[in-house]
C-alpha atoms as a PDB file:
ATOM      1  CA  MET A   1      16.755 -17.614   9.074  1.00  0.00           C
ATOM      2  CA  THR A   2      14.432 -15.012   7.683  1.00  0.00           C
ATOM      3  CA  HIS A   3      13.283 -12.505   9.937  1.00  0.00           C
ATOM      4  CA  VAL A   4       9.644 -12.927  10.941  1.00  0.00           C
ATOM      5  CA  VAL A   5       7.589  -9.273  10.588  1.00  0.00           C
ATOM      6  CA  HIS A   6       4.502  -9.081  12.948  1.00  0.00           C
ATOM      7  CA  VAL A   7       1.296  -7.187  11.438  1.00  0.00           C
ATOM      8  CA  ALA A   8      -1.633  -5.979  13.683  1.00  0.00           C
ATOM      9  CA  LEU A   9      -4.857  -5.404  12.152  1.00  0.00           C
ATOM     10  CA  VAL A  10      -6.797  -2.904  13.881  1.00  0.00           C
ATOM     11  CA  SER A  11     -10.376  -1.391  13.281  1.00  0.00           C
ATOM     12  CA  GLU A  12     -10.993   2.037  14.897  1.00  0.00           C
ATOM     13  CA  ILE A  13     -14.632   1.975  13.564  1.00  0.00           C
ATOM     14  CA  GLN A  14     -17.693   0.099  15.016  1.00  0.00           C
ATOM     15  CA  ARG A  15     -18.852  -1.030  11.798  1.00  0.00           C
ATOM     16  CA  ILE A  16     -16.310  -3.883  11.700  1.00  0.00           C
ATOM     17  CA  SER A  17     -17.382  -6.713  14.013  1.00  0.00           C
ATOM     18  CA  SER A  18     -14.849  -8.737  15.786  1.00  0.00           C
ATOM     19  CA  GLY A  19     -15.671 -11.543  13.549  1.00  0.00           C
ATOM     20  CA  GLN A  20     -15.232  -9.591  10.224  1.00  0.00           C
ATOM     21  CA  LEU A  21     -11.872  -8.432  11.538  1.00  0.00           C
ATOM     22  CA  ALA A  22     -10.497 -11.924  12.277  1.00  0.00           C
ATOM     23  CA  ARG A  23     -11.766 -13.399   9.038  1.00  0.00           C
ATOM     24  CA  VAL A  24      -9.848 -10.668   7.022  1.00  0.00           C
ATOM     25  CA  SER A  25      -6.786 -11.209   9.260  1.00  0.00           C
ATOM     26  CA  ALA A  26      -6.987 -14.976   8.773  1.00  0.00           C
ATOM     27  CA  ALA A  27      -7.283 -14.142   4.840  1.00  0.00           C
ATOM     28  CA  LEU A  28      -4.419 -11.809   4.920  1.00  0.00           C
ATOM     29  CA  GLN A  29      -2.393 -14.507   6.945  1.00  0.00           C
ATOM     30  CA  ARG A  30      -2.883 -17.111   4.284  1.00  0.00           C
ATOM     31  CA  GLN A  31      -2.052 -14.699   1.412  1.00  0.00           C
ATOM     32  CA  VAL A  32       1.264 -13.583   2.991  1.00  0.00           C
ATOM     33  CA  THR A  33       2.159 -17.199   3.872  1.00  0.00           C
ATOM     34  CA  ARG A  34       0.753 -19.066   0.766  1.00  0.00           C
ATOM     35  CA  ASP A  35       1.231 -16.614  -1.910  1.00  0.00           C
ATOM     36  CA  PHE A  36       3.287 -13.611  -1.159  1.00  0.00           C
ATOM     37  CA  GLY A  37       5.808 -14.947   1.223  1.00  0.00           C
ATOM     38  CA  PRO A  38       7.349 -17.580  -0.951  1.00  0.00           C
ATOM     39  CA  ILE A  39       7.629 -15.350  -3.870  1.00  0.00           C
ATOM     40  CA  TRP A  40       9.264 -12.294  -2.237  1.00  0.00           C
ATOM     41  CA  GLY A  41      11.085 -14.380   0.497  1.00  0.00           C
ATOM     42  CA  ILE A  42       9.233 -12.801   3.398  1.00  0.00           C
ATOM     43  CA  ARG A  43       8.015 -14.252   6.549  1.00  0.00           C
ATOM     44  CA  ALA A  44       5.062 -12.526   8.569  1.00  0.00           C
ATOM     45  CA  THR A  45       2.171 -13.027  10.822  1.00  0.00           C
ATOM     46  CA  VAL A  46      -0.961 -10.919  10.533  1.00  0.00           C
ATOM     47  CA  ASP A  47      -3.338 -10.972  13.664  1.00  0.00           C
ATOM     48  CA  ALA A  48      -6.291  -9.038  14.582  1.00  0.00           C
ATOM     49  CA  PHE A  49      -6.645  -6.660  17.745  1.00  0.00           C
ATOM     50  CA  GLY A  50      -9.483  -4.674  19.326  1.00  0.00           C
ATOM     51  CA  SER A  51      -7.642  -1.632  19.587  1.00  0.00           C
ATOM     52  CA  LEU A  52      -4.146   0.124  19.234  1.00  0.00           C
ATOM     53  CA  ASP A  53      -3.754  -0.462  23.057  1.00  0.00           C
ATOM     54  CA  ASP A  54      -3.777  -4.190  22.648  1.00  0.00           C
ATOM     55  CA  VAL A  55      -1.004  -4.205  20.022  1.00  0.00           C
ATOM     56  CA  PRO A  56       2.203  -5.306  21.378  1.00  0.00           C
ATOM     57  CA  LEU A  57       5.253  -3.430  20.950  1.00  0.00           C
ATOM     58  CA  GLY A  58       7.217  -4.172  17.591  1.00  0.00           C
ATOM     59  CA  TYR A  59       4.174  -5.169  15.713  1.00  0.00           C
ATOM     60  CA  TRP A  60       3.184  -2.998  12.407  1.00  0.00           C
ATOM     61  CA  PRO A  61      -0.116  -1.710  12.653  1.00  0.00           C
ATOM     62  CA  VAL A  62      -2.774  -1.622   9.805  1.00  0.00           C
ATOM     63  CA  VAL A  63      -5.409   0.629  11.207  1.00  0.00           C
ATOM     64  CA  ILE A  64      -9.019   0.928   9.459  1.00  0.00           C
ATOM     65  CA  LEU A  65     -10.514   4.360  10.054  1.00  0.00           C
ATOM     66  CA  ASP A  66     -13.837   6.206   8.875  1.00  0.00           C
ATOM     67  CA  GLN A  67     -11.429   8.486   6.959  1.00  0.00           C
ATOM     68  CA  ILE A  68      -7.860   9.580   6.660  1.00  0.00           C
ATOM     69  CA  ASP A  69      -6.605  13.219   6.009  1.00  0.00           C
ATOM     70  CA  ASP A  70      -5.957  12.283   2.329  1.00  0.00           C
ATOM     71  CA  PRO A  71      -9.436  12.375   0.365  1.00  0.00           C
ATOM     72  CA  ASN A  72      -7.762  10.997  -2.844  1.00  0.00           C
ATOM     73  CA  ALA A  73      -6.459   7.722  -1.266  1.00  0.00           C
ATOM     74  CA  LEU A  74      -8.178   4.718   0.136  1.00  0.00           C
ATOM     75  CA  GLY A  75      -5.052   3.971   2.168  1.00  0.00           C
ATOM     76  CA  TYR A  76      -1.374   4.530   2.700  1.00  0.00           C
ATOM     77  CA  HIS A  77       1.771   3.226   4.500  1.00  0.00           C
ATOM     78  CA  GLN A  78       4.888   4.732   5.538  1.00  0.00           C
ATOM     79  CA  ASP A  79       7.224   4.693   8.817  1.00  0.00           C
ATOM     80  CA  GLN A  80       7.554   6.962  11.844  1.00  0.00           C
ATOM     81  CA  ASP A  81      10.734   6.684  14.019  1.00  0.00           C
ATOM     82  CA  GLY A  82      11.551   3.273  12.672  1.00  0.00           C
ATOM     83  CA  GLN A  83       7.735   2.071  13.065  1.00  0.00           C
ATOM     84  CA  PRO A  84       6.271   1.039   9.849  1.00  0.00           C
ATOM     85  CA  TYR A  85       2.314   1.660   9.729  1.00  0.00           C
ATOM     86  CA  ALA A  86      -0.566   1.816   7.607  1.00  0.00           C
ATOM     87  CA  LEU A  87      -4.003   3.538   7.504  1.00  0.00           C
ATOM     88  CA  VAL A  88      -6.884   2.395   5.554  1.00  0.00           C
ATOM     89  CA  VAL A  89     -10.454   3.926   4.774  1.00  0.00           C
ATOM     90  CA  TYR A  90     -13.510   2.024   5.386  1.00  0.00           C
ATOM     91  CA  THR A  91     -15.155   1.249   2.471  1.00  0.00           C
ATOM     92  CA  GLN A  92     -17.292  -2.141   1.222  1.00  0.00           C
ATOM     93  CA  SER A  93     -13.787  -3.482  -0.024  1.00  0.00           C
ATOM     94  CA  TRP A  94     -11.723  -2.121   2.845  1.00  0.00           C
ATOM     95  CA  SER A  95      -9.925  -5.847   2.790  1.00  0.00           C
ATOM     96  CA  LEU A  96      -8.594  -5.259  -0.614  1.00  0.00           C
ATOM     97  CA  THR A  97      -7.060  -2.021   0.453  1.00  0.00           C
ATOM     98  CA  ALA A  98      -5.727  -3.666   3.834  1.00  0.00           C
ATOM     99  CA  SER A  99      -4.066  -6.281   1.692  1.00  0.00           C
ATOM    100  CA  HIS A 100      -2.724  -3.910  -0.641  1.00  0.00           C
ATOM    101  CA  GLU A 101      -1.142  -1.887   2.162  1.00  0.00           C
ATOM    102  CA  THR A 102       0.003  -4.850   4.186  1.00  0.00           C
ATOM    103  CA  LEU A 103       1.892  -6.487   1.067  1.00  0.00           C
ATOM    104  CA  GLU A 104       3.425  -3.079   0.099  1.00  0.00           C
ATOM    105  CA  MET A 105       4.594  -2.340   3.788  1.00  0.00           C
ATOM    106  CA  LEU A 106       6.072  -5.938   3.899  1.00  0.00           C
ATOM    107  CA  ALA A 107       7.934  -5.360   0.649  1.00  0.00           C
ATOM    108  CA  ASP A 108       9.383  -1.819   1.605  1.00  0.00           C
ATOM    109  CA  PRO A 109       8.577  -1.090   5.097  1.00  0.00           C
ATOM    110  CA  TRP A 110      11.185   1.873   5.222  1.00  0.00           C
ATOM    111  CA  GLY A 111      10.354   3.417   1.832  1.00  0.00           C
ATOM    112  CA  ASN A 112      13.756   3.122   0.314  1.00  0.00           C
ATOM    113  CA  ARG A 113      13.696   0.178  -1.808  1.00  0.00           C
ATOM    114  CA  LEU A 114      14.239   0.657  -5.665  1.00  0.00           C
ATOM    115  CA  ILE A 115      15.251  -1.302  -8.475  1.00  0.00           C
ATOM    116  CA  GLY A 116      17.022  -0.470 -11.662  1.00  0.00           C
ATOM    117  CA  GLY A 117      15.876  -0.980 -15.149  1.00  0.00           C
ATOM    118  CA  SER A 118      15.274   0.451 -18.662  1.00  0.00           C
ATOM    119  CA  SER A 119      12.452   3.320 -18.440  1.00  0.00           C
ATOM    120  CA  ILE A 120       8.990   2.516 -19.785  1.00  0.00           C
ATOM    121  CA  LYS A 121       9.266   6.144 -21.059  1.00  0.00           C
ATOM    122  CA  PRO A 122      10.838   6.261 -24.577  1.00  0.00           C
ATOM    123  CA  ASP A 123      14.455   7.591 -24.875  1.00  0.00           C
ATOM    124  CA  GLN A 124      14.741   7.948 -21.127  1.00  0.00           C
ATOM    125  CA  GLY A 125      17.471   5.280 -20.435  1.00  0.00           C
ATOM    126  CA  ARG A 126      17.686   3.536 -16.983  1.00  0.00           C
ATOM    127  CA  VAL A 127      15.659   4.505 -14.199  1.00  0.00           C
ATOM    128  CA  ARG A 128      15.247   3.280 -10.531  1.00  0.00           C
ATOM    129  CA  TYR A 129      11.490   2.065 -10.113  1.00  0.00           C
ATOM    130  CA  LEU A 130       9.789   2.087  -6.657  1.00  0.00           C
ATOM    131  CA  ILE A 131       9.122  -1.317  -5.242  1.00  0.00           C
ATOM    132  CA  GLU A 132       5.341  -0.908  -4.818  1.00  0.00           C
ATOM    133  CA  VAL A 133       3.976  -4.352  -5.746  1.00  0.00           C
ATOM    134  CA  CYS A 134       0.433  -3.792  -5.745  1.00  0.00           C
ATOM    135  CA  ASP A 135       0.235  -0.485  -7.862  1.00  0.00           C
ATOM    136  CA  PRO A 136       0.305  -1.719 -11.478  1.00  0.00           C
ATOM    137  CA  CYS A 137      -2.579  -4.330 -10.809  1.00  0.00           C
ATOM    138  CA  GLU A 138      -4.340  -2.564  -7.832  1.00  0.00           C
ATOM    139  CA  ALA A 139      -7.783  -2.358  -9.544  1.00  0.00           C
ATOM    140  CA  PRO A 140     -10.560  -4.545  -7.982  1.00  0.00           C
ATOM    141  CA  GLN A 141     -11.057  -6.500 -11.255  1.00  0.00           C
ATOM    142  CA  TYR A 142      -7.498  -7.987 -10.702  1.00  0.00           C
ATOM    143  CA  ALA A 143      -8.022  -8.881  -7.168  1.00  0.00           C
ATOM    144  CA  TYR A 144      -8.788 -12.564  -5.900  1.00  0.00           C
ATOM    145  CA  ARG A 145     -10.585 -14.024  -3.064  1.00  0.00           C
ATOM    146  CA  ILE A 146      -9.179 -16.103   0.004  1.00  0.00           C
ATOM    147  CA  ASN A 147     -11.829 -17.866   1.969  1.00  0.00           C
ATOM    148  CA  GLY A 148     -14.425 -15.329   0.490  1.00  0.00           C
ATOM    149  CA  VAL A 149     -12.380 -12.307   1.502  1.00  0.00           C
ATOM    150  CA  LEU A 150     -11.339  -9.881  -1.602  1.00  0.00           C
ATOM    151  CA  VAL A 151      -7.519  -9.600  -1.398  1.00  0.00           C
ATOM    152  CA  SER A 152      -5.161  -7.617  -3.881  1.00  0.00           C
ATOM    153  CA  ASP A 153      -3.064  -8.910  -6.496  1.00  0.00           C
ATOM    154  CA  PHE A 154       0.688  -8.322  -6.481  1.00  0.00           C
ATOM    155  CA  TYR A 155       3.590  -8.268  -8.833  1.00  0.00           C
ATOM    156  CA  THR A 156       6.655 -10.708  -8.668  1.00  0.00           C
ATOM    157  CA  PRO A 157      10.237  -9.634  -8.938  1.00  0.00           C
ATOM    158  CA  SER A 158      10.152 -10.619 -12.463  1.00  0.00           C
ATOM    159  CA  PHE A 159       7.881  -7.981 -13.273  1.00  0.00           C
ATOM    160  CA  PHE A 160      11.219  -5.789 -13.862  1.00  0.00           C
ATOM    161  CA  ASP A 161      12.824  -8.445 -16.147  1.00  0.00           C
ATOM    162  CA  SER A 162      14.489  -6.831 -19.183  1.00  0.00           C
ATOM    163  CA  ARG A 163      12.480  -9.268 -21.851  1.00  0.00           C
ATOM    164  CA  GLU A 164       9.441 -11.447 -21.637  1.00  0.00           C
ATOM    165  CA  SER A 165      10.123 -15.145 -21.216  1.00  0.00           C
ATOM    166  CA  SER A 166       8.101 -18.121 -21.987  1.00  0.00           C
ATOM    167  CA  GLY A 167       6.201 -19.242 -18.741  1.00  0.00           C
ATOM    168  CA  GLY A 168       7.259 -15.983 -16.988  1.00  0.00           C
ATOM    169  CA  ARG A 169       5.196 -15.173 -14.120  1.00  0.00           C
ATOM    170  CA  TYR A 170       4.670 -11.171 -13.616  1.00  0.00           C
ATOM    171  CA  ASP A 171       1.949 -11.015 -11.113  1.00  0.00           C
ATOM    172  CA  PHE A 172       0.324 -13.435  -8.782  1.00  0.00           C
ATOM    173  CA  THR A 173      -2.897 -13.830 -10.919  1.00  0.00           C
ATOM    174  CA  ARG A 174      -0.955 -13.821 -14.061  1.00  0.00           C
ATOM    175  CA  ALA A 175      -3.203 -10.745 -15.256  1.00  0.00           C
ATOM    176  CA  ILE A 176       0.062  -9.098 -16.475  1.00  0.00           C
ATOM    177  CA  GLN A 177       1.394 -10.618 -19.518  1.00  0.00           C
ATOM    178  CA  SER A 178       4.707  -8.920 -19.955  1.00  0.00           C
ATOM    179  CA  PRO A 179       7.446  -6.997 -17.892  1.00  0.00           C
ATOM    180  CA  LYS A 180       6.484  -3.430 -16.719  1.00  0.00           C
ATOM    181  CA  THR A 181       2.991  -3.653 -17.929  1.00  0.00           C
ATOM    182  CA  ILE A 182       0.496  -1.286 -16.330  1.00  0.00           C
ATOM    183  CA  LEU A 183      -3.045  -2.568 -16.109  1.00  0.00           C
ATOM    184  CA  ARG A 184      -6.306  -0.788 -16.201  1.00  0.00           C
ATOM    185  CA  GLY A 185      -6.438   1.487 -13.214  1.00  0.00           C
ATOM    186  CA  GLY A 186      -3.072   0.839 -12.213  1.00  0.00           C
ATOM    187  CA  TYR A 187       0.158   2.811 -12.024  1.00  0.00           C
ATOM    188  CA  ILE A 188       4.116   2.899 -11.808  1.00  0.00           C
ATOM    189  CA  SER A 189       6.557   5.402 -10.490  1.00  0.00           C
ATOM    190  CA  TRP A 190      10.191   5.794 -10.812  1.00  0.00           C
ATOM    191  CA  LEU A 191      12.982   8.117 -10.157  1.00  0.00           C
ATOM    192  CA  ASP A 192      15.513   9.213 -12.820  1.00  0.00           C
ATOM    193  CA  PRO A 193      18.969   9.118 -11.050  1.00  0.00           C
ATOM    194  CA  ALA A 194      20.673  11.298 -13.895  1.00  0.00           C
ATOM    195  CA  THR A 195      18.168  14.230 -13.253  1.00  0.00           C
ATOM    196  CA  GLY A 196      16.789  13.608  -9.811  1.00  0.00           C
ATOM    197  CA  ILE A 197      13.225  13.902 -11.400  1.00  0.00           C
ATOM    198  CA  CYS A 198      10.274  11.657 -10.555  1.00  0.00           C
ATOM    199  CA  GLY A 199       8.185  10.260 -13.079  1.00  0.00           C
ATOM    200  CA  SER A 200       4.903   8.163 -13.120  1.00  0.00           C
ATOM    201  CA  ARG A 201       2.875   6.443 -15.644  1.00  0.00           C
ATOM    202  CA  SER A 202      -0.958   5.318 -15.201  1.00  0.00           C
ATOM    203  CA  GLY A 203      -2.572   2.393 -17.154  1.00  0.00           C
ATOM    204  CA  PRO A 204      -5.862   2.633 -19.086  1.00  0.00           C
ATOM    205  CA  ARG A 205      -8.557   4.369 -16.970  1.00  0.00           C
ATOM    206  CA  ALA A 206     -10.305   2.004 -14.767  1.00  0.00           C
ATOM    207  CA  ILE A 207     -13.992   1.603 -15.312  1.00  0.00           C
ATOM    208  CA  ARG A 208     -15.694   1.703 -11.814  1.00  0.00           C
ATOM    209  CA  SER A 209     -19.224   0.167 -11.080  1.00  0.00           C
ATOM    210  CA  ARG A 210     -19.359   1.776  -7.784  1.00  0.00           C
ATOM    211  CA  ALA A 211     -19.396   5.194  -6.463  1.00  0.00           C
ATOM    212  CA  SER A 212     -16.163   7.041  -5.802  1.00  0.00           C
ATOM    213  CA  VAL A 213     -15.547   6.939  -1.918  1.00  0.00           C
ATOM    214  CA  THR A 214     -14.959  10.766  -2.218  1.00  0.00           C
ATOM    215  CA  SER A 215     -18.157  11.473  -3.469  1.00  0.00           C
ATOM    216  CA  ARG A 216     -19.999  10.095  -0.149  1.00  0.00           C
ATOM    217  CA  PRO A 217     -20.336  12.346   2.872  1.00  0.00           C
ATOM    218  CA  ARG A 218     -17.329  11.951   4.956  1.00  0.00           C
ATOM    219  CA  PRO A 219     -18.106  11.990   8.675  1.00  0.00           C
ATOM    220  CA  ALA A 220     -15.848  14.384  11.103  1.00  0.00           C
ATOM    221  CA  ALA A 221     -12.862  12.634  12.142  1.00  0.00           C
ATOM    222  CA  SER A 222     -12.580  11.484  15.742  1.00  0.00           C
ATOM    223  CA  SER A 223      -9.798  12.533  17.871  1.00  0.00           C
ATOM    224  CA  ARG A 224      -8.526   9.037  17.612  1.00  0.00           C
ATOM    225  CA  ALA A 225      -8.502   9.097  13.936  1.00  0.00           C
ATOM    226  CA  ARG A 226      -6.845  12.620  13.763  1.00  0.00           C
ATOM    227  CA  ALA A 227      -4.025  11.139  16.185  1.00  0.00           C
ATOM    228  CA  CYS A 228      -3.517   8.231  13.527  1.00  0.00           C
ATOM    229  CA  ALA A 229      -3.443  10.770  10.466  1.00  0.00           C
ATOM    230  CA  SER A 230      -2.053  14.228  11.639  1.00  0.00           C
ATOM    231  CA  SER A 231       0.042  16.388   9.450  1.00  0.00           C
ATOM    232  CA  SER A 232       2.638  19.108   8.862  1.00  0.00           C
ATOM    233  CA  THR A 233       3.547  20.618   5.593  1.00  0.00           C
ATOM    234  CA  GLU A 234       7.166  19.755   5.480  1.00  0.00           C
ATOM    235  CA  ARG A 235       8.177  18.173   2.348  1.00  0.00           C
ATOM    236  CA  PRO A 236      11.352  16.306   1.398  1.00  0.00           C
ATOM    237  CA  ARG A 237      12.991  16.597  -1.801  1.00  0.00           C
ATOM    238  CA  CYS A 238      12.914  13.791  -4.528  1.00  0.00           C
ATOM    239  CA  PRO A 239      16.635  13.360  -5.024  1.00  0.00           C
ATOM    240  CA  SER A 240      17.319  12.863  -1.095  1.00  0.00           C
ATOM    241  CA  SER A 241      14.095  10.953  -0.397  1.00  0.00           C
ATOM    242  CA  ARG A 242      12.710   8.179  -2.195  1.00  0.00           C
ATOM    243  CA  LYS A 243       9.341   8.717  -0.585  1.00  0.00           C
ATOM    244  CA  ALA A 244       8.912  12.048  -2.133  1.00  0.00           C
ATOM    245  CA  CYS A 245       8.813  10.497  -5.493  1.00  0.00           C
ATOM    246  CA  ARG A 246       5.272   9.025  -4.728  1.00  0.00           C
ATOM    247  CA  LYS A 247       3.449  11.643  -6.732  1.00  0.00           C
ATOM    248  CA  GLY A 248       5.152  14.184  -4.770  1.00  0.00           C
ATOM    249  CA  THR A 249       3.903  12.844  -1.345  1.00  0.00           C
ATOM    250  CA  THR A 250       5.626  11.464   1.393  1.00  0.00           C
ATOM    251  CA  ARG A 251       3.983   7.935   1.503  1.00  0.00           C
ATOM    252  CA  SER A 252       2.891   5.034  -0.505  1.00  0.00           C
ATOM    253  CA  ARG A 253      -0.641   4.620  -0.981  1.00  0.00           C
ATOM    254  CA  ARG A 254      -3.573   3.110  -2.702  1.00  0.00           C
ATOM    255  CA  ARG A 255      -5.542   5.743  -4.903  1.00  0.00           C
ATOM    256  CA  ALA A 256      -9.225   6.366  -4.421  1.00  0.00           C
ATOM    257  CA  PRO A 257     -11.173   5.533  -7.649  1.00  0.00           C
ATOM    258  CA  THR A 258     -11.033   9.305  -8.667  1.00  0.00           C
ATOM    259  CA  GLY A 259      -7.246   8.759  -9.429  1.00  0.00           C
ATOM    260  CA  ALA A 260      -6.779  12.344  -8.380  1.00  0.00           C
ATOM    261  CA  ARG A 261      -3.613  13.201  -6.658  1.00  0.00           C
ATOM    262  CA  ALA A 262      -3.391  14.552  -3.116  1.00  0.00           C
ATOM    263  CA  ARG A 263      -1.197  17.466  -1.947  1.00  0.00           C
ATOM    264  CA  SER A 264       1.931  16.696  -0.223  1.00  0.00           C
ATOM    265  CA  ARG A 265       2.173  16.200   3.441  1.00  0.00           C
ATOM    266  CA  ARG A 266       4.097  14.347   6.117  1.00  0.00           C
ATOM    267  CA  ARG A 267       1.970  12.102   8.475  1.00  0.00           C
ATOM    268  CA  ARG A 268       2.558  10.946  12.325  1.00  0.00           C
ATOM    269  CA  GLY A 269       2.059   7.211  13.079  1.00  0.00           C
ATOM    270  CA  PRO A 270      -0.775   5.872  15.063  1.00  0.00           C
ATOM    271  CA  ARG A 271      -0.949   6.657  18.805  1.00  0.00           C
ATOM    272  CA  ARG A 272      -1.820   4.413  21.526  1.00  0.00           C
ATOM    273  CA  SER A 273      -2.499   5.759  24.989  1.00  0.00           C
ATOM    274  CA  GLY A 274      -1.349   9.390  23.835  1.00  0.00           C
ATOM    275  CA  ARG A 275       2.146   8.233  22.849  1.00  0.00           C
ATOM    276  CA  THR A 276       3.272   7.718  19.205  1.00  0.00           C
ATOM    277  CA  THR A 277       4.284   4.228  18.433  1.00  0.00           C
ATOM    278  CA  GLY A 278       8.059   4.025  18.143  1.00  0.00           C
ATOM    279  CA  ARG A 279      10.812   1.465  18.623  1.00  0.00           C
END
């Protein structure tokens, strides 16, 4: 029997009402149950909670904040002491980021899942791709709606097929027409096992109709937000840690519209009542 993962959607800002949070949670639950789970063999629940203090132990929190300490990311997920979690910046399309981070956290909660295949870089040979199911199709124009809520597209295991096949489905919305194709505004990352060097490639630059979230004034982070996104300067080496291959960072993230790269940092997990969430 497949293990059931429990995800907790938590808002740490007042602009999201309990009703809004519940609607997004219900949409993510339907996405996981109806769309994502059958394709990836994953079972999960998604529930809304009023605060981190209300989240039961063992749940994987996805926390919505006014800001995180990475100005070039709309969200990221990683694990701390065996506890996967995700942080999401509040924007008008925060449900899209929450969907992105939830699906990627479910597909690779520990940051160590890779798949071998021929490199999209000419003459590089075989590499090991990071399993980040939303990155190549992360732009809003490829998203879809569930009960009016915007959620992220995601690729299927067939995305890494060696050749195109008739009737092949490479992402859920069928926007990707052939294996290892990066859509406008998306990207993909890999590790070259022969050299230990990380590589990445972006699709065509996305055309954005809305302003970059990094261009708006950013309020000072609350003490609770700082507890959810504190940092040190330690950086693991790429050959020994797959997480270091994420553009030189230690986490998986959905990029802000600017496409800029953030500096390397290690984050601590969300805290509740002053203690770090753990096993």
